[in-house]
C-alpha cells in the first residue's frame, strides 16, 4: 500500500450518537471506538492522513 495516497475518513461520530444519554444515542456506536483509536494511531504512524 502506498501510504502517501491513503486517507482514513471517520464520518458522523458525533457526540449526539455516541454519548450515553445523548438525544440521538445509539449505544452500539461505542463498541467501535477502541478499534477506531487503534486505526487512527496506525494511520498517523505510517504518515497517512485521517479526517474526522
PDB file of N, CA and C in Angstrom:
ATOM      1  N   UNK A   1       0.834  -1.168   0.000  1.00  0.00           N
ATOM      2  CA  UNK A   1       0.000   0.000   0.000  1.00  0.00           C
ATOM      3  C   UNK A   1       0.886   1.240   0.000  1.00  0.00           C
ATOM      4  N   UNK A   2       0.593   2.192  -0.865  1.00  0.00           N
ATOM      5  CA  UNK A   2       1.311   3.460  -0.902  1.00  0.00           C
ATOM      6  C   UNK A   2       0.663   4.404   0.107  1.00  0.00           C
ATOM      7  N   UNK A   3       1.286   4.522   1.286  1.00  0.00           N
ATOM      8  CA  UNK A   3       0.676   5.307   2.362  1.00  0.00           C
ATOM      9  C   UNK A   3       0.579   6.783   2.027  1.00  0.00           C
ATOM     10  N   UNK A   4       1.311   7.248   1.044  1.00  0.00           N
ATOM     11  CA  UNK A   4       1.206   8.634   0.620  1.00  0.00           C
ATOM     12  C   UNK A   4      -0.089   8.935  -0.107  1.00  0.00           C
ATOM     13  N   UNK A   5      -0.810   7.889  -0.473  1.00  0.00           N
ATOM     14  CA  UNK A   5      -2.066   8.061  -1.205  1.00  0.00           C
ATOM     15  C   UNK A   5      -3.256   7.495  -0.439  1.00  0.00           C
ATOM     16  N   UNK A   6      -3.116   7.378   0.871  1.00  0.00           N
ATOM     17  CA  UNK A   6      -4.173   6.789   1.688  1.00  0.00           C
ATOM     18  C   UNK A   6      -4.726   7.837   2.638  1.00  0.00           C
ATOM     19  N   UNK A   7      -6.037   7.857   2.762  1.00  0.00           N
ATOM     20  CA  UNK A   7      -6.689   8.710   3.760  1.00  0.00           C
ATOM     21  C   UNK A   7      -7.677   7.846   4.536  1.00  0.00           C
ATOM     22  N   UNK A   8      -7.813   8.106   5.814  1.00  0.00           N
ATOM     23  CA  UNK A   8      -8.750   7.384   6.673  1.00  0.00           C
ATOM     24  C   UNK A   8      -9.827   8.376   7.089  1.00  0.00           C
ATOM     25  N   UNK A   9     -11.065   8.112   6.709  1.00  0.00           N
ATOM     26  CA  UNK A   9     -12.179   9.011   6.992  1.00  0.00           C
ATOM     27  C   UNK A   9     -13.067   8.438   8.084  1.00  0.00           C
ATOM     28  N   UNK A  10     -13.422   9.268   9.039  1.00  0.00           N
ATOM     29  CA  UNK A  10     -14.392   8.894  10.065  1.00  0.00           C
ATOM     30  C   UNK A  10     -15.580   9.823   9.871  1.00  0.00           C
ATOM     31  N   UNK A  11     -16.732   9.245   9.598  1.00  0.00           N
ATOM     32  CA  UNK A  11     -17.906  10.041   9.249  1.00  0.00           C
ATOM     33  C   UNK A  11     -18.998   9.875  10.303  1.00  0.00           C
ATOM     34  N   UNK A  12     -19.503  10.991  10.787  1.00  0.00           N
ATOM     35  CA  UNK A  12     -20.642  11.062  11.702  1.00  0.00           C
ATOM     36  C   UNK A  12     -20.432  10.408  13.062  1.00  0.00           C
ATOM     37  N   UNK A  13     -19.233  10.491  13.622  1.00  0.00           N
ATOM     38  CA  UNK A  13     -19.012  10.055  15.002  1.00  0.00           C
ATOM     39  C   UNK A  13     -19.301  11.251  15.905  1.00  0.00           C
ATOM     40  N   UNK A  14     -20.554  11.640  15.961  1.00  0.00           N
ATOM     41  CA  UNK A  14     -20.978  12.818  16.711  1.00  0.00           C
ATOM     42  C   UNK A  14     -21.360  12.443  18.133  1.00  0.00           C
ATOM     43  N   UNK A  15     -21.107  13.344  19.062  1.00  0.00           N
ATOM     44  CA  UNK A  15     -21.473  13.107  20.454  1.00  0.00           C
ATOM     45  C   UNK A  15     -22.949  12.784  20.600  1.00  0.00           C
ATOM     46  N   UNK A  16     -23.799  13.356  19.752  1.00  0.00           N
ATOM     47  CA  UNK A  16     -25.237  13.087  19.833  1.00  0.00           C
ATOM     48  C   UNK A  16     -25.568  11.621  19.596  1.00  0.00           C
ATOM     49  N   UNK A  17     -24.701  10.896  18.896  1.00  0.00           N
ATOM     50  CA  UNK A  17     -24.915   9.472  18.655  1.00  0.00           C
ATOM     51  C   UNK A  17     -24.172   8.601  19.663  1.00  0.00           C
ATOM     52  N   UNK A  18     -23.020   9.064  20.122  1.00  0.00           N
ATOM     53  CA  UNK A  18     -22.095   8.221  20.877  1.00  0.00           C
ATOM     54  C   UNK A  18     -22.259   8.322  22.392  1.00  0.00           C
ATOM     55  N   UNK A  19     -22.484   9.514  22.900  1.00  0.00           N
ATOM     56  CA  UNK A  19     -22.502   9.704  24.353  1.00  0.00           C
ATOM     57  C   UNK A  19     -23.736   9.096  25.009  1.00  0.00           C
ATOM     58  N   UNK A  20     -23.509   8.476  26.145  1.00  0.00           N
ATOM     59  CA  UNK A  20     -24.608   7.893  26.911  1.00  0.00           C
ATOM     60  C   UNK A  20     -25.569   8.993  27.347  1.00  0.00           C
ATOM     61  N   UNK A  21     -26.848   8.791  27.077  1.00  0.00           N
ATOM     62  CA  UNK A  21     -27.871   9.761  27.441  1.00  0.00           C
ATOM     63  C   UNK A  21     -28.072  10.869  26.425  1.00  0.00           C
ATOM     64  N   UNK A  22     -27.320  10.846  25.343  1.00  0.00           N
ATOM     65  CA  UNK A  22     -27.453  11.883  24.309  1.00  0.00           C
ATOM     66  C   UNK A  22     -28.802  11.767  23.608  1.00  0.00           C
ATOM     67  N   UNK A  23     -29.219  12.853  23.007  1.00  0.00           N
ATOM     68  CA  UNK A  23     -30.530  12.924  22.360  1.00  0.00           C
ATOM     69  C   UNK A  23     -30.723  11.827  21.312  1.00  0.00           C
ATOM     70  N   UNK A  24     -29.715  11.577  20.503  1.00  0.00           N
ATOM     71  CA  UNK A  24     -29.810  10.592  19.418  1.00  0.00           C
ATOM     72  C   UNK A  24     -28.953   9.357  19.688  1.00  0.00           C
ATOM     73  N   UNK A  25     -28.766   9.030  20.945  1.00  0.00           N
ATOM     74  CA  UNK A  25     -27.853   7.946  21.344  1.00  0.00           C
ATOM     75  C   UNK A  25     -28.116   6.644  20.593  1.00  0.00           C
ATOM     76  N   UNK A  26     -27.023   6.067  20.103  1.00  0.00           N
ATOM     77  CA  UNK A  26     -27.031   4.731  19.505  1.00  0.00           C
ATOM     78  C   UNK A  26     -25.952   3.947  20.252  1.00  0.00           C
ATOM     79  N   UNK A  27     -26.342   3.177  21.283  1.00  0.00           N
ATOM     80  CA  UNK A  27     -25.352   2.521  22.142  1.00  0.00           C
ATOM     81  C   UNK A  27     -24.314   1.679  21.395  1.00  0.00           C
ATOM     82  N   UNK A  28     -24.695   1.066  20.310  1.00  0.00           N
ATOM     83  CA  UNK A  28     -23.763   0.201  19.572  1.00  0.00           C
ATOM     84  C   UNK A  28     -22.575   0.978  19.009  1.00  0.00           C
ATOM     85  N   UNK A  29     -22.713   2.291  18.838  1.00  0.00           N
ATOM     86  CA  UNK A  29     -21.601   3.065  18.277  1.00  0.00           C
ATOM     87  C   UNK A  29     -20.380   3.042  19.181  1.00  0.00           C
ATOM     88  N   UNK A  30     -20.573   2.908  20.468  1.00  0.00           N
ATOM     89  CA  UNK A  30     -19.441   2.900  21.402  1.00  0.00           C
ATOM     90  C   UNK A  30     -18.575   1.657  21.246  1.00  0.00           C
ATOM     91  N   UNK A  31     -19.113   0.599  20.689  1.00  0.00           N
ATOM     92  CA  UNK A  31     -18.349  -0.643  20.525  1.00  0.00           C
ATOM     93  C   UNK A  31     -17.180  -0.491  19.555  1.00  0.00           C
ATOM     94  N   UNK A  32     -17.282   0.418  18.603  1.00  0.00           N
ATOM     95  CA  UNK A  32     -16.227   0.546  17.595  1.00  0.00           C
ATOM     96  C   UNK A  32     -15.127   1.528  17.990  1.00  0.00           C
ATOM     97  N   UNK A  33     -15.310   2.257  19.082  1.00  0.00           N
ATOM     98  CA  UNK A  33     -14.338   3.283  19.471  1.00  0.00           C
ATOM     99  C   UNK A  33     -12.935   2.720  19.695  1.00  0.00           C
ATOM    100  N   UNK A  34     -12.744   1.608  20.417  1.00  0.00           N
ATOM    101  CA  UNK A  34     -11.383   1.079  20.587  1.00  0.00           C
ATOM    102  C   UNK A  34     -10.703   0.750  19.250  1.00  0.00           C
ATOM    103  N   UNK A  35     -11.445   0.188  18.322  1.00  0.00           N
ATOM    104  CA  UNK A  35     -10.893  -0.131  17.008  1.00  0.00           C
ATOM    105  C   UNK A  35     -10.534   1.142  16.250  1.00  0.00           C
ATOM    106  N   UNK A  36     -11.386   2.153  16.328  1.00  0.00           N
ATOM    107  CA  UNK A  36     -11.091   3.424  15.662  1.00  0.00           C
ATOM    108  C   UNK A  36      -9.828   4.063  16.219  1.00  0.00           C
ATOM    109  N   UNK A  37      -9.659   4.022  17.538  1.00  0.00           N
ATOM    110  CA  UNK A  37      -8.464   4.603  18.154  1.00  0.00           C
ATOM    111  C   UNK A  37      -7.196   3.920  17.641  1.00  0.00           C
ATOM    112  N   UNK A  38      -7.232   2.590  17.542  1.00  0.00           N
ATOM    113  CA  UNK A  38      -6.076   1.844  17.032  1.00  0.00           C
ATOM    114  C   UNK A  38      -5.792   2.206  15.578  1.00  0.00           C
ATOM    115  N   UNK A  39      -6.848   2.300  14.778  1.00  0.00           N
ATOM    116  CA  UNK A  39      -6.687   2.622  13.358  1.00  0.00           C
ATOM    117  C   UNK A  39      -6.147   4.045  13.176  1.00  0.00           C
ATOM    118  N   UNK A  40      -6.626   4.987  13.980  1.00  0.00           N
ATOM    119  CA  UNK A  40      -6.133   6.366  13.902  1.00  0.00           C
ATOM    120  C   UNK A  40      -4.644   6.406  14.221  1.00  0.00           C
ATOM    121  N   UNK A  41      -4.239   5.712  15.277  1.00  0.00           N
ATOM    122  CA  UNK A  41      -2.822   5.698  15.651  1.00  0.00           C
ATOM    123  C   UNK A  41      -1.973   5.085  14.535  1.00  0.00           C
ATOM    124  N   UNK A  42      -2.440   3.974  13.983  1.00  0.00           N
ATOM    125  CA  UNK A  42      -1.698   3.323  12.901  1.00  0.00           C
ATOM    126  C   UNK A  42      -1.598   4.249  11.687  1.00  0.00           C
ATOM    127  N   UNK A  43      -2.686   4.924  11.366  1.00  0.00           N
ATOM    128  CA  UNK A  43      -2.698   5.848  10.238  1.00  0.00           C
ATOM    129  C   UNK A  43      -1.686   6.970  10.446  1.00  0.00           C
ATOM    130  N   UNK A  44      -1.646   7.521  11.644  1.00  0.00           N
ATOM    131  CA  UNK A  44      -0.678   8.581  11.951  1.00  0.00           C
ATOM    132  C   UNK A  44       0.759   8.062  11.854  1.00  0.00           C
ATOM    133  N   UNK A  45       0.991   6.860  12.374  1.00  0.00           N
ATOM    134  CA  UNK A  45       2.345   6.299  12.408  1.00  0.00           C
ATOM    135  C   UNK A  45       2.930   6.038  11.025  1.00  0.00           C
ATOM    136  N   UNK A  46       2.095   5.719  10.054  1.00  0.00           N
ATOM    137  CA  UNK A  46       2.600   5.447   8.707  1.00  0.00           C
ATOM    138  C   UNK A  46       2.624   6.703   7.842  1.00  0.00           C
ATOM    139  N   UNK A  47       2.204   7.821   8.407  1.00  0.00           N
ATOM    140  CA  UNK A  47       2.274   9.082   7.685  1.00  0.00           C
ATOM    141  C   UNK A  47       1.092   9.389   6.793  1.00  0.00           C
ATOM    142  N   UNK A  48       0.043   8.588   6.876  1.00  0.00           N
ATOM    143  CA  UNK A  48      -1.165   8.880   6.111  1.00  0.00           C
ATOM    144  C   UNK A  48      -1.980   9.924   6.868  1.00  0.00           C
ATOM    145  N   UNK A  49      -3.009  10.423   6.228  1.00  0.00           N
ATOM    146  CA  UNK A  49      -3.856  11.405   6.899  1.00  0.00           C
ATOM    147  C   UNK A  49      -5.158  10.760   7.344  1.00  0.00           C
ATOM    148  N   UNK A  50      -5.762  11.336   8.369  1.00  0.00           N
ATOM    149  CA  UNK A  50      -7.099  10.905   8.761  1.00  0.00           C
ATOM    150  C   UNK A  50      -7.949  12.143   8.939  1.00  0.00           C
ATOM    151  N   UNK A  51      -9.195  12.013   8.573  1.00  0.00           N
ATOM    152  CA  UNK A  51     -10.135  13.128   8.607  1.00  0.00           C
ATOM    153  C   UNK A  51     -11.335  12.705   9.433  1.00  0.00           C
ATOM    154  N   UNK A  52     -11.678  13.535  10.394  1.00  0.00           N
ATOM    155  CA  UNK A  52     -12.817  13.246  11.257  1.00  0.00           C
ATOM    156  C   UNK A  52     -13.840  14.324  11.071  1.00  0.00           C
TER     157      UNK A  52
END
